[in-house]
Amino acid sequence: MEQYYSYLIFVGLGLKVLGFAARDELLLRTLVVTGLICDMAFYALHNPPIWQSVATIATLVVVNVVLLGIILSERSTFGMSARDRQIYKAFQTLTPGQFKRVIKLADHHLAETETRVLTEGTVSDRLYFLETDGFALEKQGVRYPAKGPGFIGEIVFLQGGVASASVFVPQGARYVSWPVDGLKRLMKRRQPISNALVARFSADLAGKLAQSVPLPKSV
């Protein structure tokens, strides 16, 4: 028996070396935890068992398992509501963990009647994401239909200034909103989230611009 368990210490060493060579943190932690478990088994099977070493390594295993849980949470939509998972589809540039921090600041709304969420010529203190398939834009008293889902107020959010049009959501529409100040504070604290949100809003603006410019007729 001893000739077999004595190899565990070398197996554990090999796994930890592979882990520290891995670039992906999830793989690194997984390999290190497995290697530590091999070390723990070696000291537990030793004759006599070296319980001090077992306890010390067990502490390291627990710490790394907790970190593995955090990494998995950052990379998965586990824990999100069905509605939040649907909204997350509009945030392709964010990781699930980043989105969880962003959506935590949001207020969820259901329009009981037609609701104005943005007023032309005013500064909005909120950023909106409309979950509805359609809404209305009003500029200088003229209404235009618009397709959703989509962001509202991102130009003012990114560049400042006032809203160029009023926006109305129909009765029964669902939408979420974020306080501009709160979202900007989050972006200031976490640069990766800031970069991801700016990239997402820029892509949304580019898509709106492409839709608003008529395509040239083929000759």
Protein backbone atom coordinates (compact mmCIF):
# COMPACT_ATOMS: atom_id res chain seq x y z
CA MET A 1 0.00 0.00 0.00
CA GLU A 2 2.79 2.38 0.97
CA GLN A 3 4.53 2.05 -2.38
CA TYR A 4 1.40 3.32 -4.11
CA TYR A 5 0.33 6.21 -1.86
CA SER A 6 3.90 7.56 -1.82
CA TYR A 7 3.41 8.55 -5.47
CA LEU A 8 0.55 10.86 -4.51
CA ILE A 9 2.98 13.59 -3.46
CA PHE A 10 4.55 13.55 -6.94
CA VAL A 11 1.16 13.46 -8.67
CA GLY A 12 0.11 16.44 -6.57
CA LEU A 13 3.30 18.30 -7.48
CA GLY A 14 2.75 17.62 -11.18
CA LEU A 15 -0.84 18.86 -11.06
CA LYS A 16 0.16 22.06 -9.27
CA VAL A 17 2.96 22.71 -11.75
CA LEU A 18 0.47 22.31 -14.61
CA GLY A 19 -1.95 24.59 -12.79
CA PHE A 20 0.57 27.39 -12.29
CA ALA A 21 1.48 27.10 -15.98
CA ALA A 22 -2.17 27.51 -17.05
CA ARG A 23 -3.32 30.94 -18.20
CA ASP A 24 -6.98 30.34 -17.51
CA GLU A 25 -7.73 30.98 -13.82
CA LEU A 26 -10.51 28.39 -13.66
CA LEU A 27 -8.19 25.67 -14.98
CA LEU A 28 -5.39 26.89 -12.69
CA ARG A 29 -7.55 26.67 -9.57
CA THR A 30 -8.99 23.29 -10.57
CA LEU A 31 -5.56 21.74 -11.08
CA VAL A 32 -4.15 23.28 -7.90
CA VAL A 33 -7.08 22.02 -5.82
CA THR A 34 -6.70 18.53 -7.27
CA GLY A 35 -2.97 18.61 -6.54
CA LEU A 36 -3.59 19.75 -2.97
CA ILE A 37 -6.08 16.93 -2.46
CA CYS A 38 -3.39 14.48 -3.57
CA ASP A 39 -1.00 16.04 -1.03
CA MET A 40 -3.64 15.80 1.68
CA ALA A 41 -4.28 12.12 0.86
CA PHE A 42 -0.53 11.43 1.02
CA TYR A 43 -0.19 12.86 4.53
CA ALA A 44 -3.42 11.20 5.70
CA LEU A 45 -2.27 7.76 4.47
CA HIS A 46 1.22 8.19 5.87
CA ASN A 47 2.12 5.83 8.69
CA PRO A 48 1.59 7.47 11.09
CA PRO A 49 -0.68 10.14 9.54
CA ILE A 50 0.67 13.69 9.68
CA TRP A 51 -2.52 15.48 10.70
CA GLN A 52 -0.92 18.91 10.98
CA SER A 53 -0.07 18.81 7.29
CA VAL A 54 -3.54 17.47 6.44
CA ALA A 55 -5.18 20.35 8.32
CA THR A 56 -2.91 22.96 6.73
CA ILE A 57 -3.53 21.69 3.20
CA ALA A 58 -7.27 21.34 3.87
CA THR A 59 -7.34 25.07 4.65
CA LEU A 60 -5.73 25.82 1.28
CA VAL A 61 -8.24 23.53 -0.44
CA VAL A 62 -11.18 25.37 1.16
CA VAL A 63 -9.78 28.77 0.12
CA ASN A 64 -9.30 27.64 -3.47
CA VAL A 65 -12.72 25.98 -3.64
CA VAL A 66 -14.32 29.26 -2.52
CA LEU A 67 -12.37 31.10 -5.24
CA LEU A 68 -13.50 28.49 -7.77
CA GLY A 69 -17.09 29.20 -6.79
CA ILE A 70 -16.54 32.93 -7.31
CA ILE A 71 -14.98 32.33 -10.74
CA LEU A 72 -17.84 30.06 -11.81
CA SER A 73 -20.36 32.65 -10.63
CA GLU A 74 -18.56 35.32 -12.68
CA ARG A 75 -18.74 33.15 -15.78
CA SER A 76 -22.27 31.79 -15.58
CA THR A 77 -25.81 33.16 -15.52
CA PHE A 78 -26.62 31.01 -12.49
CA GLY A 79 -28.54 33.04 -9.95
CA MET A 80 -30.07 35.39 -12.52
CA SER A 81 -33.83 35.58 -12.89
CA ALA A 82 -35.36 34.52 -16.21
CA ARG A 83 -36.02 38.18 -17.00
CA ASP A 84 -32.44 39.21 -16.23
CA ARG A 85 -31.10 36.39 -18.41
CA GLN A 86 -33.23 37.72 -21.25
CA ILE A 87 -31.93 41.26 -20.71
CA TYR A 88 -28.36 39.94 -20.56
CA LYS A 89 -28.63 38.99 -24.24
CA ALA A 90 -28.45 42.70 -25.03
CA PHE A 91 -25.16 43.07 -23.14
CA GLN A 92 -22.92 40.92 -25.30
CA THR A 93 -19.74 42.77 -24.30
CA LEU A 94 -20.16 42.04 -20.57
CA THR A 95 -19.34 38.83 -18.77
CA PRO A 96 -22.15 37.35 -16.63
CA GLY A 97 -20.37 38.56 -13.50
CA GLN A 98 -20.06 42.11 -14.83
CA PHE A 99 -23.70 42.10 -15.88
CA LYS A 100 -24.79 40.98 -12.40
CA ARG A 101 -23.11 44.07 -10.95
CA VAL A 102 -24.74 46.31 -13.55
CA ILE A 103 -28.26 44.86 -13.24
CA LYS A 104 -28.04 45.12 -9.46
CA LEU A 105 -28.25 48.91 -9.86
CA ALA A 106 -31.28 48.74 -12.16
CA ASP A 107 -34.95 49.35 -11.43
CA HIS A 108 -37.46 47.13 -13.24
CA HIS A 109 -40.61 48.73 -14.58
CA LEU A 110 -43.94 47.72 -16.09
CA ALA A 111 -45.83 50.49 -17.89
CA GLU A 112 -49.42 50.54 -16.62
CA THR A 113 -50.29 53.14 -19.26
CA GLU A 114 -48.37 54.69 -22.13
CA THR A 115 -45.33 56.14 -20.39
CA ARG A 116 -42.92 58.89 -21.38
CA VAL A 117 -39.42 57.83 -20.34
CA LEU A 118 -37.46 60.56 -22.08
CA THR A 119 -38.40 64.18 -22.78
CA GLU A 120 -37.03 66.12 -25.74
CA GLY A 121 -34.71 68.98 -24.78
CA THR A 122 -34.14 67.83 -21.21
CA VAL A 123 -31.26 66.18 -19.39
CA SER A 124 -32.14 62.66 -18.27
CA ASP A 125 -30.78 61.31 -15.00
CA ARG A 126 -31.49 57.73 -16.06
CA LEU A 127 -30.42 55.31 -18.77
CA TYR A 128 -33.08 52.94 -20.13
CA PHE A 129 -33.28 49.56 -21.78
CA LEU A 130 -36.68 48.90 -23.37
CA GLU A 131 -37.63 45.24 -23.50
CA THR A 132 -40.61 45.94 -25.74
CA ASP A 133 -40.63 45.18 -29.48
CA GLY A 134 -41.88 48.64 -30.34
CA PHE A 135 -42.10 52.16 -28.91
CA ALA A 136 -42.60 55.73 -30.17
CA LEU A 137 -40.23 58.63 -30.73
CA GLU A 138 -41.56 62.18 -30.80
CA LYS A 139 -39.54 65.05 -32.21
CA GLN A 140 -40.88 68.57 -32.61
CA GLY A 141 -44.40 67.26 -32.14
CA VAL A 142 -44.15 64.54 -34.80
CA ARG A 143 -44.28 60.86 -33.78
CA TYR A 144 -42.31 58.08 -35.36
CA PRO A 145 -42.52 54.35 -34.66
CA ALA A 146 -39.34 52.66 -33.49
CA LYS A 147 -38.33 49.05 -33.07
CA GLY A 148 -37.07 47.51 -29.86
CA PRO A 149 -35.66 46.09 -27.74
CA GLY A 150 -32.99 48.71 -27.31
CA PHE A 151 -31.24 51.30 -25.19
CA ILE A 152 -32.63 54.79 -24.69
CA GLY A 153 -30.59 57.74 -23.47
CA GLU A 154 -27.16 56.29 -24.20
CA ILE A 155 -26.10 59.33 -26.26
CA VAL A 156 -26.78 61.66 -23.35
CA PHE A 157 -25.14 59.16 -21.02
CA LEU A 158 -21.94 58.98 -23.07
CA GLN A 159 -21.69 62.52 -24.43
CA GLY A 160 -23.83 64.66 -22.15
CA GLY A 161 -26.29 67.27 -23.43
CA VAL A 162 -30.05 66.94 -23.74
CA ALA A 163 -32.36 64.35 -25.27
CA SER A 164 -32.95 64.90 -28.98
CA ALA A 165 -36.43 63.34 -28.86
CA SER A 166 -39.13 62.21 -26.45
CA VAL A 167 -39.62 58.47 -26.02
CA PHE A 168 -42.90 56.74 -25.15
CA VAL A 169 -43.33 53.09 -24.22
CA PRO A 170 -46.72 51.44 -24.76
CA GLN A 171 -48.98 50.14 -22.03
CA GLY A 172 -47.82 46.77 -20.73
CA ALA A 173 -44.24 47.30 -21.86
CA ARG A 174 -41.41 46.20 -19.63
CA TYR A 175 -38.25 48.22 -19.27
CA VAL A 176 -35.35 48.74 -16.91
CA SER A 177 -33.56 51.93 -15.92
CA TRP A 178 -30.32 52.84 -14.23
CA PRO A 179 -29.47 56.02 -12.31
CA VAL A 180 -26.81 57.75 -14.39
CA ASP A 181 -24.75 58.80 -11.37
CA GLY A 182 -24.76 55.30 -9.88
CA LEU A 183 -23.81 53.63 -13.13
CA LYS A 184 -21.00 56.09 -13.74
CA ARG A 185 -19.64 55.50 -10.24
CA LEU A 186 -19.59 51.76 -10.94
CA MET A 187 -17.80 52.34 -14.25
CA LYS A 188 -15.25 54.56 -12.52
CA ARG A 189 -14.51 51.88 -9.91
CA ARG A 190 -14.33 49.02 -12.40
CA GLN A 191 -12.56 49.89 -15.64
CA PRO A 192 -13.32 46.54 -17.39
CA ILE A 193 -17.06 47.16 -16.87
CA SER A 194 -16.64 50.71 -18.16
CA ASN A 195 -14.86 49.49 -21.30
CA ALA A 196 -17.50 46.80 -21.89
CA LEU A 197 -20.44 49.20 -21.47
CA VAL A 198 -18.90 51.89 -23.69
CA ALA A 199 -18.29 49.24 -26.37
CA ARG A 200 -21.90 48.03 -26.08
CA PHE A 201 -23.43 51.50 -26.25
CA SER A 202 -21.16 52.45 -29.16
CA ALA A 203 -22.28 49.36 -31.08
CA ASP A 204 -25.91 50.23 -30.34
CA LEU A 205 -25.41 53.77 -31.62
CA ALA A 206 -23.70 52.50 -34.76
CA GLY A 207 -26.63 50.17 -35.41
CA LYS A 208 -29.14 53.01 -34.97
CA LEU A 209 -27.11 55.22 -37.31
CA ALA A 210 -27.01 52.50 -39.96
CA GLN A 211 -30.78 52.10 -39.75
CA SER A 212 -31.39 55.83 -39.98
CA VAL A 213 -29.27 56.36 -43.11
CA PRO A 214 -31.05 55.26 -46.29
CA LEU A 215 -29.13 52.73 -48.33
CA PRO A 216 -28.13 53.82 -51.86
CA LYS A 217 -30.18 52.35 -54.67
CA SER A 218 -28.41 49.79 -56.81
CA VAL A 219 -27.66 50.89 -60.34
